[in-house]
N, C-alpha and C. Protein backbone atom coordinates (compact mmCIF):
# COMPACT_ATOMS: atom_id res chain seq x y z
N MET A 1 6.61 -34.35 -37.60
CA MET A 1 8.29 -33.31 -38.05
C MET A 1 8.77 -34.17 -39.46
N ALA A 2 8.72 -33.52 -40.63
CA ALA A 2 9.51 -33.92 -41.37
C ALA A 2 10.94 -33.84 -41.50
N LYS A 3 11.20 -35.36 -41.40
CA LYS A 3 13.12 -35.54 -41.25
C LYS A 3 13.47 -35.11 -42.42
N THR A 4 14.66 -35.24 -42.17
CA THR A 4 15.61 -34.66 -43.34
C THR A 4 15.36 -35.44 -44.78
N SER A 5 14.92 -36.74 -44.70
CA SER A 5 14.67 -37.58 -45.96
C SER A 5 13.62 -37.13 -46.51
N GLY A 6 12.50 -36.43 -45.77
CA GLY A 6 11.26 -35.60 -46.33
C GLY A 6 11.62 -34.65 -46.91
N VAL A 7 12.38 -33.49 -46.17
CA VAL A 7 12.78 -32.51 -46.73
C VAL A 7 13.48 -32.66 -48.16
N ARG A 8 14.32 -33.61 -48.34
CA ARG A 8 15.25 -33.82 -49.44
C ARG A 8 14.24 -34.59 -50.55
N ALA A 9 13.00 -35.07 -50.19
CA ALA A 9 12.20 -35.53 -51.15
C ALA A 9 11.41 -34.32 -52.08
N LEU A 10 11.50 -33.20 -51.12
CA LEU A 10 10.51 -32.26 -51.75
C LEU A 10 11.35 -30.97 -52.86
N PHE A 11 12.82 -31.57 -52.68
CA PHE A 11 13.79 -30.90 -53.49
C PHE A 11 14.68 -31.72 -54.65
N GLU A 12 14.40 -33.13 -54.69
CA GLU A 12 14.79 -34.18 -55.52
C GLU A 12 14.01 -33.85 -57.07
N PRO A 13 12.90 -33.37 -57.02
CA PRO A 13 12.73 -33.29 -58.78
C PRO A 13 13.48 -31.87 -59.46
N LEU A 14 14.02 -31.25 -58.46
CA LEU A 14 15.02 -30.52 -59.23
C LEU A 14 15.77 -31.13 -60.05
N SER A 15 16.63 -32.27 -59.61
CA SER A 15 17.36 -33.07 -60.17
C SER A 15 16.97 -33.41 -61.83
N ILE A 16 15.87 -33.89 -61.96
CA ILE A 16 15.18 -34.43 -62.89
C ILE A 16 14.35 -33.66 -64.03
N GLN A 17 15.21 -33.64 -65.15
CA GLN A 17 14.64 -33.03 -66.52
C GLN A 17 13.07 -33.10 -66.68
N GLY A 18 12.18 -32.16 -66.48
CA GLY A 18 10.98 -32.26 -66.57
C GLY A 18 10.26 -31.99 -65.19
N ARG A 19 10.62 -32.20 -64.41
CA ARG A 19 10.10 -32.42 -63.04
C ARG A 19 10.50 -31.49 -62.20
N GLN A 20 11.28 -30.23 -62.66
CA GLN A 20 11.74 -29.14 -61.56
C GLN A 20 10.27 -28.62 -61.43
N GLN A 21 9.13 -28.30 -61.95
CA GLN A 21 8.21 -27.55 -61.60
C GLN A 21 7.18 -28.08 -60.09
N GLU A 22 7.70 -29.29 -60.03
CA GLU A 22 7.08 -30.12 -58.92
C GLU A 22 7.87 -29.01 -57.29
N THR A 23 9.17 -28.94 -57.75
CA THR A 23 9.50 -28.21 -56.57
C THR A 23 9.29 -26.52 -56.42
N LEU A 24 9.26 -26.27 -57.75
CA LEU A 24 9.01 -24.99 -57.97
C LEU A 24 7.55 -24.52 -57.51
N ALA A 25 6.87 -25.51 -57.77
CA ALA A 25 5.27 -25.06 -57.11
C ALA A 25 5.29 -25.05 -55.58
N LEU A 26 6.23 -25.35 -54.70
CA LEU A 26 6.12 -25.06 -53.41
C LEU A 26 6.51 -23.47 -53.47
N ILE A 27 6.58 -23.12 -54.15
CA ILE A 27 7.27 -21.49 -53.81
C ILE A 27 6.18 -20.62 -53.90
N ALA A 28 6.32 -19.93 -52.98
CA ALA A 28 4.86 -19.04 -52.50
C ALA A 28 5.17 -18.02 -53.91
N ASP A 29 3.70 -17.48 -54.30
CA ASP A 29 4.26 -16.39 -55.18
C ASP A 29 4.49 -15.01 -54.87
N ASP A 30 4.33 -14.79 -53.73
CA ASP A 30 4.74 -13.67 -53.20
C ASP A 30 6.17 -14.00 -52.38
N VAL A 31 7.19 -14.79 -52.36
CA VAL A 31 8.15 -15.08 -52.05
C VAL A 31 9.18 -13.89 -51.75
N ASP A 32 9.82 -14.07 -50.84
CA ASP A 32 10.87 -13.20 -50.69
C ASP A 32 12.40 -14.03 -51.00
N TRP A 33 12.91 -13.47 -52.18
CA TRP A 33 14.13 -14.27 -52.43
C TRP A 33 15.17 -13.62 -52.53
N THR A 34 16.36 -13.70 -51.68
CA THR A 34 17.46 -12.58 -51.90
C THR A 34 18.75 -13.88 -52.59
N ILE A 35 19.17 -13.50 -53.58
CA ILE A 35 20.67 -14.23 -53.89
C ILE A 35 21.86 -13.20 -53.07
N MET A 36 22.88 -13.91 -52.27
CA MET A 36 23.36 -13.05 -51.49
C MET A 36 24.83 -12.58 -52.17
N GLY A 37 25.43 -11.89 -51.94
CA GLY A 37 26.76 -11.45 -52.68
C GLY A 37 26.42 -10.38 -53.50
N HIS A 38 27.94 -10.57 -54.71
CA HIS A 38 28.15 -9.85 -55.69
C HIS A 38 28.20 -10.34 -56.71
N SER A 39 27.18 -10.22 -57.39
CA SER A 39 27.29 -10.84 -58.81
C SER A 39 26.19 -10.20 -59.72
N PRO A 40 25.87 -10.23 -61.02
CA PRO A 40 24.98 -9.94 -61.92
C PRO A 40 23.41 -9.79 -61.01
N MET A 41 23.27 -11.24 -60.66
CA MET A 41 21.97 -11.62 -60.03
C MET A 41 21.64 -11.45 -58.84
N SER A 42 22.75 -11.11 -57.72
CA SER A 42 22.71 -10.59 -56.47
C SER A 42 21.69 -9.50 -56.26
N ARG A 43 20.61 -9.66 -55.90
CA ARG A 43 19.51 -9.12 -55.49
C ARG A 43 18.39 -9.55 -54.76
N GLN A 44 17.39 -8.82 -54.03
CA GLN A 44 16.12 -9.49 -53.48
C GLN A 44 15.29 -9.14 -54.70
N TYR A 45 14.45 -10.36 -54.75
CA TYR A 45 13.52 -10.78 -55.95
C TYR A 45 12.41 -10.47 -55.17
N SER A 46 11.41 -9.92 -55.95
CA SER A 46 9.83 -9.48 -55.47
C SER A 46 8.97 -10.22 -56.05
N GLY A 47 8.77 -11.63 -55.48
CA GLY A 47 7.95 -12.73 -55.81
C GLY A 47 8.52 -13.77 -56.84
N LYS A 48 7.88 -14.73 -56.96
CA LYS A 48 8.45 -15.89 -57.65
C LYS A 48 8.48 -15.64 -59.21
N GLN A 49 7.82 -14.82 -59.86
CA GLN A 49 7.81 -14.67 -60.98
C GLN A 49 9.13 -13.68 -61.33
N ASP A 50 9.54 -12.98 -60.68
CA ASP A 50 10.47 -11.93 -60.78
C ASP A 50 11.83 -12.87 -60.68
N PHE A 51 11.82 -13.95 -60.02
CA PHE A 51 13.02 -14.77 -59.41
C PHE A 51 13.31 -15.34 -60.98
N VAL A 52 11.90 -15.75 -61.18
CA VAL A 52 11.96 -17.18 -62.29
C VAL A 52 12.47 -16.46 -63.51
N ASP A 53 11.79 -15.03 -63.88
CA ASP A 53 12.07 -14.45 -65.09
C ASP A 53 13.73 -13.80 -65.22
N ASN A 54 14.13 -13.73 -63.94
CA ASN A 54 15.44 -13.07 -63.97
C ASN A 54 16.55 -13.75 -63.43
N THR A 55 16.47 -15.18 -63.31
CA THR A 55 17.59 -15.82 -62.88
C THR A 55 17.36 -17.23 -63.71
N LEU A 56 16.27 -18.06 -63.12
CA LEU A 56 16.14 -19.59 -63.89
C LEU A 56 16.17 -19.29 -65.60
N LYS A 57 15.34 -18.43 -65.91
CA LYS A 57 15.01 -18.11 -67.31
C LYS A 57 16.41 -17.75 -68.10
N VAL A 58 17.07 -16.43 -67.60
CA VAL A 58 18.30 -16.20 -67.73
C VAL A 58 19.42 -17.12 -68.20
N LEU A 59 19.36 -18.00 -66.85
CA LEU A 59 20.53 -19.28 -66.98
C LEU A 59 20.04 -19.91 -68.40
N ARG A 60 18.82 -20.54 -68.44
CA ARG A 60 18.40 -21.55 -69.82
C ARG A 60 18.31 -20.94 -70.67
N GLU A 61 18.11 -19.72 -71.07
CA GLU A 61 18.15 -19.36 -72.69
C GLU A 61 19.33 -18.77 -73.12
N ARG A 62 20.13 -18.08 -72.07
CA ARG A 62 21.21 -17.22 -72.42
C ARG A 62 22.64 -17.93 -72.00
N VAL A 63 22.89 -18.26 -71.17
CA VAL A 63 23.86 -18.84 -70.51
C VAL A 63 23.94 -20.51 -70.60
N LEU A 64 23.62 -21.47 -70.41
CA LEU A 64 23.78 -22.81 -70.17
C LEU A 64 22.75 -23.39 -71.40
N THR A 65 23.82 -24.37 -71.59
CA THR A 65 23.39 -25.64 -72.68
C THR A 65 22.10 -26.11 -72.68
N GLU A 66 21.73 -26.27 -71.33
CA GLU A 66 20.67 -27.27 -71.15
C GLU A 66 19.94 -26.27 -69.95
N PRO A 67 18.54 -26.70 -69.81
CA PRO A 67 18.17 -26.20 -68.54
C PRO A 67 18.74 -26.86 -66.95
N LEU A 68 18.74 -26.08 -66.09
CA LEU A 68 19.72 -26.58 -64.79
C LEU A 68 19.06 -27.70 -64.13
N ARG A 69 19.79 -28.26 -63.69
CA ARG A 69 19.42 -29.40 -62.90
C ARG A 69 20.29 -29.37 -61.54
N LEU A 70 19.52 -29.85 -60.70
CA LEU A 70 20.41 -29.44 -59.07
C LEU A 70 19.91 -30.96 -58.58
N GLU A 71 21.47 -31.24 -58.02
CA GLU A 71 21.42 -32.42 -57.13
C GLU A 71 21.13 -32.49 -55.41
N VAL A 72 20.52 -32.61 -54.74
CA VAL A 72 20.33 -32.26 -53.67
C VAL A 72 21.72 -33.01 -52.83
N GLY A 73 22.37 -32.03 -51.68
CA GLY A 73 23.45 -32.55 -50.89
C GLY A 73 22.94 -32.79 -49.38
N ASP A 74 23.51 -31.83 -48.42
CA ASP A 74 22.99 -31.97 -47.10
C ASP A 74 21.76 -31.01 -46.96
N VAL A 75 21.14 -31.63 -46.25
CA VAL A 75 19.85 -30.96 -45.73
C VAL A 75 20.15 -30.68 -44.10
N VAL A 76 19.86 -29.27 -43.81
CA VAL A 76 19.98 -29.20 -42.07
C VAL A 76 18.56 -28.43 -41.93
N GLY A 77 18.23 -29.16 -40.63
CA GLY A 77 17.05 -28.41 -40.02
C GLY A 77 15.86 -29.25 -40.43
N ALA A 78 14.64 -29.52 -39.80
CA ALA A 78 13.69 -30.00 -40.26
C ALA A 78 12.08 -29.31 -40.23
N LEU A 79 11.33 -29.67 -40.70
CA LEU A 79 10.06 -29.40 -41.14
C LEU A 79 9.04 -29.89 -40.42
N ASP A 80 7.89 -28.81 -39.85
CA ASP A 80 6.87 -29.44 -39.17
C ASP A 80 5.35 -29.61 -39.82
N GLY A 81 4.34 -30.53 -39.47
CA GLY A 81 3.62 -30.72 -40.32
C GLY A 81 3.61 -31.44 -41.60
N GLU A 82 2.61 -31.53 -42.48
CA GLU A 82 2.63 -32.54 -43.63
C GLU A 82 1.68 -31.17 -44.86
N GLY A 83 2.11 -31.74 -46.07
CA GLY A 83 1.17 -30.83 -46.84
C GLY A 83 1.02 -29.41 -47.07
N ASP A 84 0.00 -29.12 -46.87
CA ASP A 84 -0.37 -27.57 -46.94
C ASP A 84 -0.11 -27.03 -45.75
N ASP A 85 0.38 -27.79 -44.58
CA ASP A 85 0.70 -27.14 -43.17
C ASP A 85 1.95 -27.26 -42.87
N ILE A 86 2.75 -27.59 -43.74
CA ILE A 86 4.52 -27.77 -43.21
C ILE A 86 5.05 -26.34 -42.96
N HIS A 87 5.68 -26.27 -42.02
CA HIS A 87 6.45 -24.67 -41.61
C HIS A 87 7.71 -25.15 -40.91
N GLY A 88 8.66 -24.15 -41.08
CA GLY A 88 9.96 -24.57 -40.21
C GLY A 88 11.03 -23.90 -41.11
N GLU A 89 12.29 -23.92 -40.96
CA GLU A 89 13.16 -23.51 -41.77
C GLU A 89 14.18 -24.46 -41.77
N VAL A 90 14.88 -24.69 -43.12
CA VAL A 90 15.62 -25.75 -43.48
C VAL A 90 16.95 -24.88 -44.46
N ALA A 91 18.32 -25.35 -43.98
CA ALA A 91 18.87 -25.22 -44.95
C ALA A 91 19.28 -26.59 -46.39
N VAL A 92 19.30 -25.84 -47.19
CA VAL A 92 19.54 -27.33 -48.49
C VAL A 92 20.65 -26.90 -49.20
N GLU A 93 21.45 -27.73 -49.39
CA GLU A 93 22.62 -27.91 -50.16
C GLU A 93 22.13 -28.41 -51.59
N LEU A 94 22.63 -27.72 -52.65
CA LEU A 94 22.41 -28.14 -54.02
C LEU A 94 23.63 -27.63 -54.83
N ARG A 95 23.64 -28.91 -56.05
CA ARG A 95 25.11 -28.71 -56.72
C ARG A 95 24.21 -29.10 -58.14
N ALA A 96 24.89 -28.16 -59.13
CA ALA A 96 24.46 -28.19 -60.61
C ALA A 96 24.93 -30.10 -61.09
N ILE A 97 24.10 -30.10 -62.01
CA ILE A 97 24.74 -31.65 -62.53
C ILE A 97 25.00 -31.23 -63.95
N ALA A 98 26.37 -31.65 -64.13
CA ALA A 98 26.61 -31.71 -65.55
C ALA A 98 26.34 -30.68 -66.55
N ALA A 99 26.37 -29.33 -65.91
CA ALA A 99 25.89 -28.08 -66.69
C ALA A 99 27.13 -27.41 -67.13
N VAL A 100 26.88 -27.11 -68.30
CA VAL A 100 27.92 -26.45 -69.14
C VAL A 100 27.15 -25.42 -69.88
N CYS A 101 28.38 -24.20 -69.87
CA CYS A 101 28.06 -22.88 -70.60
C CYS A 101 27.64 -23.10 -72.33
N LYS A 102 27.58 -22.10 -72.48
CA LYS A 102 27.53 -22.05 -74.30
C LYS A 102 28.85 -22.06 -74.67
N ASN A 103 29.54 -21.07 -73.97
CA ASN A 103 30.89 -21.17 -74.05
C ASN A 103 31.85 -22.31 -73.84
N GLY A 104 31.54 -23.14 -73.35
CA GLY A 104 32.17 -24.59 -73.08
C GLY A 104 32.75 -24.34 -71.42
N LEU A 105 32.38 -23.26 -70.93
CA LEU A 105 32.66 -23.11 -69.24
C LEU A 105 32.10 -23.99 -68.47
N SER A 106 32.75 -24.86 -67.39
CA SER A 106 31.67 -25.82 -66.55
C SER A 106 31.13 -24.96 -65.75
N TYR A 107 29.98 -25.19 -65.51
CA TYR A 107 29.05 -24.34 -64.43
C TYR A 107 28.65 -25.21 -63.42
N ASP A 108 29.73 -25.81 -62.50
CA ASP A 108 29.67 -26.26 -61.60
C ASP A 108 29.64 -25.82 -60.31
N MET A 109 28.32 -25.25 -60.33
CA MET A 109 27.55 -24.36 -59.18
C MET A 109 27.56 -25.31 -57.94
N ALA A 110 27.55 -24.48 -56.96
CA ALA A 110 27.22 -24.90 -55.53
C ALA A 110 26.29 -24.26 -54.94
N TYR A 111 25.13 -24.75 -54.32
CA TYR A 111 24.36 -23.35 -53.79
C TYR A 111 24.13 -23.80 -52.22
N VAL A 112 23.67 -23.36 -51.66
CA VAL A 112 22.54 -23.14 -50.30
C VAL A 112 21.59 -22.30 -49.94
N TRP A 113 20.60 -22.82 -50.04
CA TRP A 113 19.34 -22.26 -49.64
C TRP A 113 18.81 -22.00 -48.57
N MET A 114 18.70 -21.26 -47.94
CA MET A 114 17.90 -21.14 -46.53
C MET A 114 16.41 -20.52 -46.90
N CYS A 115 15.79 -21.94 -46.46
CA CYS A 115 14.29 -21.88 -46.87
C CYS A 115 13.40 -21.81 -45.41
N LYS A 116 12.53 -20.90 -45.51
CA LYS A 116 11.34 -20.96 -44.46
C LYS A 116 10.26 -21.19 -45.17
N PHE A 117 9.35 -22.45 -44.57
CA PHE A 117 8.51 -23.01 -45.22
C PHE A 117 7.08 -22.05 -44.08
N GLN A 118 5.79 -21.51 -44.70
CA GLN A 118 5.15 -21.64 -43.97
C GLN A 118 3.90 -21.97 -44.89
N LYS A 119 3.18 -22.74 -43.96
CA LYS A 119 1.73 -22.94 -44.68
C LYS A 119 1.82 -23.94 -45.91
N GLY A 120 2.73 -24.78 -45.97
CA GLY A 120 3.23 -25.67 -46.89
C GLY A 120 3.64 -25.30 -48.35
N LYS A 121 4.43 -23.84 -48.22
CA LYS A 121 5.02 -22.90 -49.22
C LYS A 121 6.07 -22.24 -48.61
N ILE A 122 7.21 -22.33 -49.74
CA ILE A 122 8.23 -21.49 -49.32
C ILE A 122 8.13 -20.04 -49.35
N VAL A 123 8.38 -19.20 -48.37
CA VAL A 123 8.00 -17.57 -48.38
C VAL A 123 9.13 -17.14 -48.24
N ARG A 124 10.30 -17.69 -47.97
CA ARG A 124 11.57 -16.88 -47.99
C ARG A 124 12.65 -17.71 -48.20
N VAL A 125 13.48 -17.32 -48.91
CA VAL A 125 14.92 -17.91 -49.38
C VAL A 125 16.03 -17.07 -49.39
N ARG A 126 17.20 -17.44 -48.89
CA ARG A 126 18.47 -16.50 -48.96
C ARG A 126 19.35 -17.60 -49.65
N ALA A 127 19.88 -17.27 -50.70
CA ALA A 127 20.61 -18.24 -51.64
C ALA A 127 22.13 -17.52 -51.56
N TYR A 128 22.93 -18.67 -51.11
CA TYR A 128 24.65 -18.46 -51.11
C TYR A 128 24.81 -19.37 -52.47
N LEU A 129 26.00 -18.73 -53.05
CA LEU A 129 26.50 -19.17 -54.17
C LEU A 129 27.77 -18.89 -54.55
N ASP A 130 28.48 -19.59 -55.68
CA ASP A 130 29.91 -18.63 -56.02
C ASP A 130 29.42 -17.74 -56.86
N THR A 131 29.67 -16.81 -56.43
CA THR A 131 29.44 -14.94 -57.30
C THR A 131 29.97 -15.35 -58.40
N ASP A 132 31.65 -15.46 -58.30
CA ASP A 132 32.25 -15.06 -59.24
C ASP A 132 32.55 -16.11 -60.39
N LEU A 133 32.17 -17.25 -60.16
CA LEU A 133 31.55 -18.29 -61.48
C LEU A 133 30.28 -17.92 -61.91
N LEU A 134 29.12 -17.37 -61.54
CA LEU A 134 28.06 -16.75 -61.88
C LEU A 134 28.50 -15.72 -62.56
N ARG A 135 29.36 -14.70 -62.35
CA ARG A 135 29.75 -13.49 -62.93
C ARG A 135 30.34 -13.83 -64.29
N ARG A 136 31.34 -14.92 -64.10
CA ARG A 136 32.16 -15.32 -65.38
C ARG A 136 31.28 -16.14 -66.25
N ALA A 137 30.26 -16.79 -65.97
CA ALA A 137 29.51 -17.17 -66.72
C ALA A 137 28.39 -16.38 -67.61
N MET A 138 27.92 -15.36 -66.73
CA MET A 138 27.35 -14.39 -67.16
C MET A 138 27.99 -13.57 -68.36
N GLU A 139 29.40 -13.06 -67.73
CA GLU A 139 29.81 -12.31 -68.73
C GLU A 139 30.50 -13.00 -69.90
N GLN A 140 30.85 -14.23 -69.97
CA GLN A 140 31.46 -14.78 -71.07
C GLN A 140 30.45 -15.73 -72.34
N ASN A 141 29.09 -15.37 -71.62
CA ASN A 141 27.99 -15.84 -72.32
C ASN A 141 26.90 -14.48 -72.23
N PRO A 142 27.10 -13.55 -73.21
CA PRO A 142 26.51 -12.38 -73.27
C PRO A 142 24.81 -12.85 -74.32
């Protein structure tokens, strides 16, 4: 069983510029990713590419001054297995690191990703975040 420190290690590359792809590689191509709540990005995404193109790419190109980096906070749950055999469910708290919108608005976003792993890949995510901050950031940075 991967303890929370092992789970944390899977997500820590999100905090390092240039290494985010290490964590993104864990996401299954056909992931079921839903951003909960009511914001311009709140919806169910049909696969990894849909999610990346309509969230991370939009934030990077339109909203933020630099690519988003995320610091791992609390991790709840544990995973069984190793490598390609990892499975289970975890909740991961993530916080934006020094993120600033192009208009100067501080993007001090906090997320909780409820992740389901199967066969070493993230197959389902329910993402919870400050939808009001996301809405303001997108409206003020068209």
